């Protein structure tokens, strides 16, 4: 029997803290990987562009981790909207620097 959307929502709400913390740990692991995997374009870049290429993707995943923790702790939505929006904007800057 397939589960209903309500039961999934109920499960997630009931287990918000462990799920959020697990998501945050996963995001931090990905951030660590992206600290080691740097686009080749970073070698030729200078200044802010070099910084964005070297650390931008990791910053995105750290912001996702912060968002997951804020959601897990039931922080005000405004707080986690800010961290999620920051991740999106940072990723936009990373992509822009990559294709420039």
C-alpha atoms as a PDB file:
ATOM      1  CA  UNK A   1       0.000   0.000   0.000  1.00  0.00           C
ATOM      2  CA  UNK A   2       1.544   3.348  -1.006  1.00  0.00           C
ATOM      3  CA  UNK A   3       2.063   5.893   1.727  1.00  0.00           C
ATOM      4  CA  UNK A   4       0.097   9.096   1.604  1.00  0.00           C
ATOM      5  CA  UNK A   5       1.591  12.559   1.535  1.00  0.00           C
ATOM      6  CA  UNK A   6       0.172  13.185   4.995  1.00  0.00           C
ATOM      7  CA  UNK A   7       2.039  10.248   6.482  1.00  0.00           C
ATOM      8  CA  UNK A   8       5.324  11.388   4.923  1.00  0.00           C
ATOM      9  CA  UNK A   9       4.800  14.925   6.216  1.00  0.00           C
ATOM     10  CA  UNK A  10       3.919  13.550   9.625  1.00  0.00           C
ATOM     11  CA  UNK A  11       7.035  11.359   9.672  1.00  0.00           C
ATOM     12  CA  UNK A  12       9.305  14.242   8.650  1.00  0.00           C
ATOM     13  CA  UNK A  13       7.742  16.552  11.211  1.00  0.00           C
ATOM     14  CA  UNK A  14       8.069  13.941  13.959  1.00  0.00           C
ATOM     15  CA  UNK A  15      11.730  13.270  13.113  1.00  0.00           C
ATOM     16  CA  UNK A  16      12.706  16.785  12.114  1.00  0.00           C
ATOM     17  CA  UNK A  17      15.762  17.061  14.370  1.00  0.00           C
ATOM     18  CA  UNK A  18      17.603  13.845  13.406  1.00  0.00           C
ATOM     19  CA  UNK A  19      16.700  14.256   9.728  1.00  0.00           C
ATOM     20  CA  UNK A  20      17.843  17.878   9.707  1.00  0.00           C
ATOM     21  CA  UNK A  21      21.092  17.102  11.477  1.00  0.00           C
ATOM     22  CA  UNK A  22      21.770  14.178   9.117  1.00  0.00           C
ATOM     23  CA  UNK A  23      21.124  16.479   6.154  1.00  0.00           C
ATOM     24  CA  UNK A  24      23.481  19.065   7.656  1.00  0.00           C
ATOM     25  CA  UNK A  25      26.232  16.476   8.087  1.00  0.00           C
ATOM     26  CA  UNK A  26      25.772  15.363   4.491  1.00  0.00           C
ATOM     27  CA  UNK A  27      25.986  18.969   3.316  1.00  0.00           C
ATOM     28  CA  UNK A  28      29.172  19.504   5.317  1.00  0.00           C
ATOM     29  CA  UNK A  29      30.683  16.374   3.775  1.00  0.00           C
ATOM     30  CA  UNK A  30      29.918  17.706   0.294  1.00  0.00           C
ATOM     31  CA  UNK A  31      31.379  21.098   1.300  1.00  0.00           C
ATOM     32  CA  UNK A  32      34.577  19.339   2.337  1.00  0.00           C
ATOM     33  CA  UNK A  33      34.777  17.533  -0.983  1.00  0.00           C
ATOM     34  CA  UNK A  34      34.383  20.810  -2.875  1.00  0.00           C
ATOM     35  CA  UNK A  35      37.249  22.306  -0.875  1.00  0.00           C
ATOM     36  CA  UNK A  36      39.455  19.684  -2.530  1.00  0.00           C
ATOM     37  CA  UNK A  37      37.851  19.740  -5.992  1.00  0.00           C
ATOM     38  CA  UNK A  38      38.637  23.132  -7.493  1.00  0.00           C
ATOM     39  CA  UNK A  39      37.821  24.100 -11.085  1.00  0.00           C
ATOM     40  CA  UNK A  40      40.904  24.480 -13.279  1.00  0.00           C
ATOM     41  CA  UNK A  41      39.737  28.025 -14.103  1.00  0.00           C
ATOM     42  CA  UNK A  42      40.675  29.066 -10.547  1.00  0.00           C
ATOM     43  CA  UNK A  43      44.379  28.763 -11.385  1.00  0.00           C
ATOM     44  CA  UNK A  44      44.170  31.579 -13.932  1.00  0.00           C
ATOM     45  CA  UNK A  45      41.698  33.765 -12.023  1.00  0.00           C
ATOM     46  CA  UNK A  46      42.573  36.637  -9.709  1.00  0.00           C
ATOM     47  CA  UNK A  47      40.990  38.435  -6.770  1.00  0.00           C
ATOM     48  CA  UNK A  48      37.319  37.915  -6.011  1.00  0.00           C
ATOM     49  CA  UNK A  49      36.805  35.621  -9.004  1.00  0.00           C
ATOM     50  CA  UNK A  50      39.584  33.323  -7.793  1.00  0.00           C
ATOM     51  CA  UNK A  51      38.057  33.280  -4.300  1.00  0.00           C
ATOM     52  CA  UNK A  52      34.596  32.464  -5.661  1.00  0.00           C
ATOM     53  CA  UNK A  53      35.962  29.677  -7.852  1.00  0.00           C
ATOM     54  CA  UNK A  54      38.010  28.162  -5.032  1.00  0.00           C
ATOM     55  CA  UNK A  55      35.519  28.451  -2.169  1.00  0.00           C
ATOM     56  CA  UNK A  56      32.123  29.359  -3.633  1.00  0.00           C
ATOM     57  CA  UNK A  57      30.750  25.846  -4.028  1.00  0.00           C
ATOM     58  CA  UNK A  58      31.838  24.911  -0.489  1.00  0.00           C
ATOM     59  CA  UNK A  59      30.194  28.047   0.879  1.00  0.00           C
ATOM     60  CA  UNK A  60      26.970  27.046  -0.896  1.00  0.00           C
ATOM     61  CA  UNK A  61      26.965  23.662   0.832  1.00  0.00           C
ATOM     62  CA  UNK A  62      27.827  25.210   4.210  1.00  0.00           C
ATOM     63  CA  UNK A  63      24.838  27.521   3.809  1.00  0.00           C
ATOM     64  CA  UNK A  64      22.665  24.504   2.948  1.00  0.00           C
ATOM     65  CA  UNK A  65      23.963  22.842   6.142  1.00  0.00           C
ATOM     66  CA  UNK A  66      23.055  25.948   8.151  1.00  0.00           C
ATOM     67  CA  UNK A  67      19.600  25.899   6.579  1.00  0.00           C
ATOM     68  CA  UNK A  68      19.111  22.251   7.528  1.00  0.00           C
ATOM     69  CA  UNK A  69      20.113  22.955  11.144  1.00  0.00           C
ATOM     70  CA  UNK A  70      17.786  25.959  11.339  1.00  0.00           C
ATOM     71  CA  UNK A  71      14.878  23.920   9.983  1.00  0.00           C
ATOM     72  CA  UNK A  72      15.694  21.063  12.367  1.00  0.00           C
ATOM     73  CA  UNK A  73      15.669  23.419  15.355  1.00  0.00           C
ATOM     74  CA  UNK A  74      12.442  25.062  14.187  1.00  0.00           C
ATOM     75  CA  UNK A  75      14.096  28.457  13.851  1.00  0.00           C
ATOM     76  CA  UNK A  76      11.983  31.259  12.412  1.00  0.00           C
ATOM     77  CA  UNK A  77      11.391  30.770   8.691  1.00  0.00           C
ATOM     78  CA  UNK A  78      12.999  34.112   7.948  1.00  0.00           C
ATOM     79  CA  UNK A  79      16.334  32.791   9.253  1.00  0.00           C
ATOM     80  CA  UNK A  80      16.407  29.718   7.086  1.00  0.00           C
ATOM     81  CA  UNK A  81      15.056  31.617   4.101  1.00  0.00           C
ATOM     82  CA  UNK A  82      18.064  33.920   4.413  1.00  0.00           C
ATOM     83  CA  UNK A  83      20.570  31.046   4.497  1.00  0.00           C
ATOM     84  CA  UNK A  84      18.838  29.241   1.617  1.00  0.00           C
ATOM     85  CA  UNK A  85      18.701  32.434  -0.458  1.00  0.00           C
ATOM     86  CA  UNK A  86      22.367  33.058   0.365  1.00  0.00           C
ATOM     87  CA  UNK A  87      23.185  29.597  -0.962  1.00  0.00           C
ATOM     88  CA  UNK A  88      21.317  30.331  -4.177  1.00  0.00           C
ATOM     89  CA  UNK A  89      22.997  33.681  -4.675  1.00  0.00           C
ATOM     90  CA  UNK A  90      26.419  32.233  -3.904  1.00  0.00           C
ATOM     91  CA  UNK A  91      25.842  29.444  -6.394  1.00  0.00           C
ATOM     92  CA  UNK A  92      24.825  32.007  -8.985  1.00  0.00           C
ATOM     93  CA  UNK A  93      28.069  33.881  -8.383  1.00  0.00           C
ATOM     94  CA  UNK A  94      30.031  30.617  -8.650  1.00  0.00           C
ATOM     95  CA  UNK A  95      28.435  29.709 -11.985  1.00  0.00           C
ATOM     96  CA  UNK A  96      28.905  33.260 -13.295  1.00  0.00           C
ATOM     97  CA  UNK A  97      32.589  33.173 -12.352  1.00  0.00           C
ATOM     98  CA  UNK A  98      32.958  29.741 -13.930  1.00  0.00           C
ATOM     99  CA  UNK A  99      31.528  30.719 -17.296  1.00  0.00           C
ATOM    100  CA  UNK A 100      33.065  34.212 -17.432  1.00  0.00           C
END
